[in-house]
Amino acid sequence: MIVDNRDSASGIGAAQIVAKASPDGNTILIYGTALWTVAVMVDNLPYDPIKDYAPITLVTRKTFSGLAWKRGGLRRANS
């Protein structure tokens, strides 16, 4: 296994590389929901998030937390 960690704006560069790779099963992309959400924020993406990819497995489940600065006075979301 070779990991090629690419740094790019919202992962667009890495997603483009995988979209253009040979569909032989040797190249996979591990990406979050930004793969689909960036499509509504960026015009002329170099890939189609629906046509160019197929989900193959669930890698993780994310838990989202809301955090605030401790000295800011907020103790709970409803306070």
C-alpha atoms as a PDB file:
ATOM      1  CA  MET A   1       0.000   0.000   0.000  1.00  0.00           C
ATOM      2  CA  ILE A   2       1.258   3.448  -0.908  1.00  0.00           C
ATOM      3  CA  VAL A   3      -0.294   6.471   0.789  1.00  0.00           C
ATOM      4  CA  ASP A   4      -0.088   9.641  -1.270  1.00  0.00           C
ATOM      5  CA  ASN A   5      -1.327  12.392   1.030  1.00  0.00           C
ATOM      6  CA  ARG A   6      -2.108  15.383  -1.189  1.00  0.00           C
ATOM      7  CA  ASP A   7      -2.658  18.874   0.155  1.00  0.00           C
ATOM      8  CA  SER A   8      -5.097  20.918  -1.887  1.00  0.00           C
ATOM      9  CA  ALA A   9      -8.107  23.179  -1.486  1.00  0.00           C
ATOM     10  CA  SER A  10     -10.882  20.984  -0.052  1.00  0.00           C
ATOM     11  CA  GLY A  11      -9.110  17.947  -1.490  1.00  0.00           C
ATOM     12  CA  ILE A  12     -10.062  18.885  -5.042  1.00  0.00           C
ATOM     13  CA  GLY A  13      -6.610  18.051  -6.408  1.00  0.00           C
ATOM     14  CA  ALA A  14      -6.549  14.595  -4.826  1.00  0.00           C
ATOM     15  CA  ALA A  15     -10.108  13.889  -5.966  1.00  0.00           C
ATOM     16  CA  GLN A  16      -9.157  14.884  -9.509  1.00  0.00           C
ATOM     17  CA  ILE A  17      -6.164  12.514  -9.522  1.00  0.00           C
ATOM     18  CA  VAL A  18      -8.321   9.600  -8.413  1.00  0.00           C
ATOM     19  CA  ALA A  19     -11.067  10.468 -10.902  1.00  0.00           C
ATOM     20  CA  LYS A  20      -8.522  10.269 -13.734  1.00  0.00           C
ATOM     21  CA  ALA A  21      -6.831   7.085 -12.465  1.00  0.00           C
ATOM     22  CA  SER A  22      -7.326   3.798 -14.249  1.00  0.00           C
ATOM     23  CA  PRO A  23     -10.470   2.064 -12.882  1.00  0.00           C
ATOM     24  CA  ASP A  24      -8.539  -1.082 -11.969  1.00  0.00           C
ATOM     25  CA  GLY A  25      -9.266  -1.040  -8.230  1.00  0.00           C
ATOM     26  CA  ASN A  26      -5.695  -0.106  -7.309  1.00  0.00           C
ATOM     27  CA  THR A  27      -6.447   3.537  -6.498  1.00  0.00           C
ATOM     28  CA  ILE A  28      -8.915   4.547  -3.803  1.00  0.00           C
ATOM     29  CA  LEU A  29      -9.875   7.852  -2.278  1.00  0.00           C
ATOM     30  CA  ILE A  30     -10.692   8.202   1.400  1.00  0.00           C
ATOM     31  CA  TYR A  31     -12.651  11.400   1.646  1.00  0.00           C
ATOM     32  CA  GLY A  32     -15.325  12.942   3.833  1.00  0.00           C
ATOM     33  CA  THR A  33     -18.562  14.581   2.889  1.00  0.00           C
ATOM     34  CA  ALA A  34     -16.687  17.490   1.294  1.00  0.00           C
ATOM     35  CA  LEU A  35     -16.398  15.398  -1.883  1.00  0.00           C
ATOM     36  CA  TRP A  36     -20.086  16.066  -2.504  1.00  0.00           C
ATOM     37  CA  THR A  37     -20.615  19.361  -0.695  1.00  0.00           C
ATOM     38  CA  VAL A  38     -17.788  21.151  -2.508  1.00  0.00           C
ATOM     39  CA  ALA A  39     -19.713  20.585  -5.758  1.00  0.00           C
ATOM     40  CA  VAL A  40     -22.284  23.191  -4.748  1.00  0.00           C
ATOM     41  CA  MET A  41     -19.618  25.721  -3.745  1.00  0.00           C
ATOM     42  CA  VAL A  42     -17.098  25.439  -6.577  1.00  0.00           C
ATOM     43  CA  ASP A  43     -17.906  26.035 -10.234  1.00  0.00           C
ATOM     44  CA  ASN A  44     -16.294  23.826 -12.875  1.00  0.00           C
ATOM     45  CA  LEU A  45     -14.945  21.030 -10.701  1.00  0.00           C
ATOM     46  CA  PRO A  46     -12.462  18.824 -12.591  1.00  0.00           C
ATOM     47  CA  TYR A  47     -14.547  15.770 -11.611  1.00  0.00           C
ATOM     48  CA  ASP A  48     -18.178  14.765 -11.209  1.00  0.00           C
ATOM     49  CA  PRO A  49     -18.767  13.579  -7.629  1.00  0.00           C
ATOM     50  CA  ILE A  50     -21.683  11.373  -8.700  1.00  0.00           C
ATOM     51  CA  LYS A  51     -20.411   9.863 -11.962  1.00  0.00           C
ATOM     52  CA  ASP A  52     -16.696   9.516 -11.187  1.00  0.00           C
ATOM     53  CA  TYR A  53     -16.865   7.674  -7.847  1.00  0.00           C
ATOM     54  CA  ALA A  54     -18.601   4.710  -6.251  1.00  0.00           C
ATOM     55  CA  PRO A  55     -18.722   4.169  -2.475  1.00  0.00           C
ATOM     56  CA  ILE A  56     -17.118   0.881  -1.482  1.00  0.00           C
ATOM     57  CA  THR A  57     -17.168   0.798   2.341  1.00  0.00           C
ATOM     58  CA  LEU A  58     -17.795   2.772   5.507  1.00  0.00           C
ATOM     59  CA  VAL A  59     -14.458   3.758   7.018  1.00  0.00           C
ATOM     60  CA  THR A  60     -15.605   5.773  10.015  1.00  0.00           C
ATOM     61  CA  ARG A  61     -18.543   7.485  11.615  1.00  0.00           C
ATOM     62  CA  LYS A  62     -18.035  11.065  12.639  1.00  0.00           C
ATOM     63  CA  THR A  63     -19.239  12.629  15.833  1.00  0.00           C
ATOM     64  CA  PHE A  64     -19.614  16.376  15.661  1.00  0.00           C
ATOM     65  CA  SER A  65     -19.155  18.526  18.728  1.00  0.00           C
ATOM     66  CA  GLY A  66     -19.907  22.171  19.320  1.00  0.00           C
ATOM     67  CA  LEU A  67     -17.140  23.855  21.267  1.00  0.00           C
ATOM     68  CA  ALA A  68     -16.821  27.308  22.770  1.00  0.00           C
ATOM     69  CA  TRP A  69     -14.049  29.254  24.432  1.00  0.00           C
ATOM     70  CA  LYS A  70     -14.084  28.264  28.108  1.00  0.00           C
ATOM     71  CA  ARG A  71     -13.797  31.837  29.387  1.00  0.00           C
ATOM     72  CA  GLY A  72     -16.548  33.048  27.065  1.00  0.00           C
ATOM     73  CA  GLY A  73     -19.337  32.410  29.586  1.00  0.00           C
ATOM     74  CA  LEU A  74     -21.273  29.860  27.529  1.00  0.00           C
ATOM     75  CA  ARG A  75     -21.967  26.760  29.594  1.00  0.00           C
ATOM     76  CA  ARG A  76     -24.564  24.952  27.489  1.00  0.00           C
ATOM     77  CA  ALA A  77     -25.933  25.391  24.005  1.00  0.00           C
ATOM     78  CA  ASN A  78     -29.208  26.671  25.441  1.00  0.00           C
ATOM     79  CA  SER A  79     -27.665  29.237  27.811  1.00  0.00           C
END
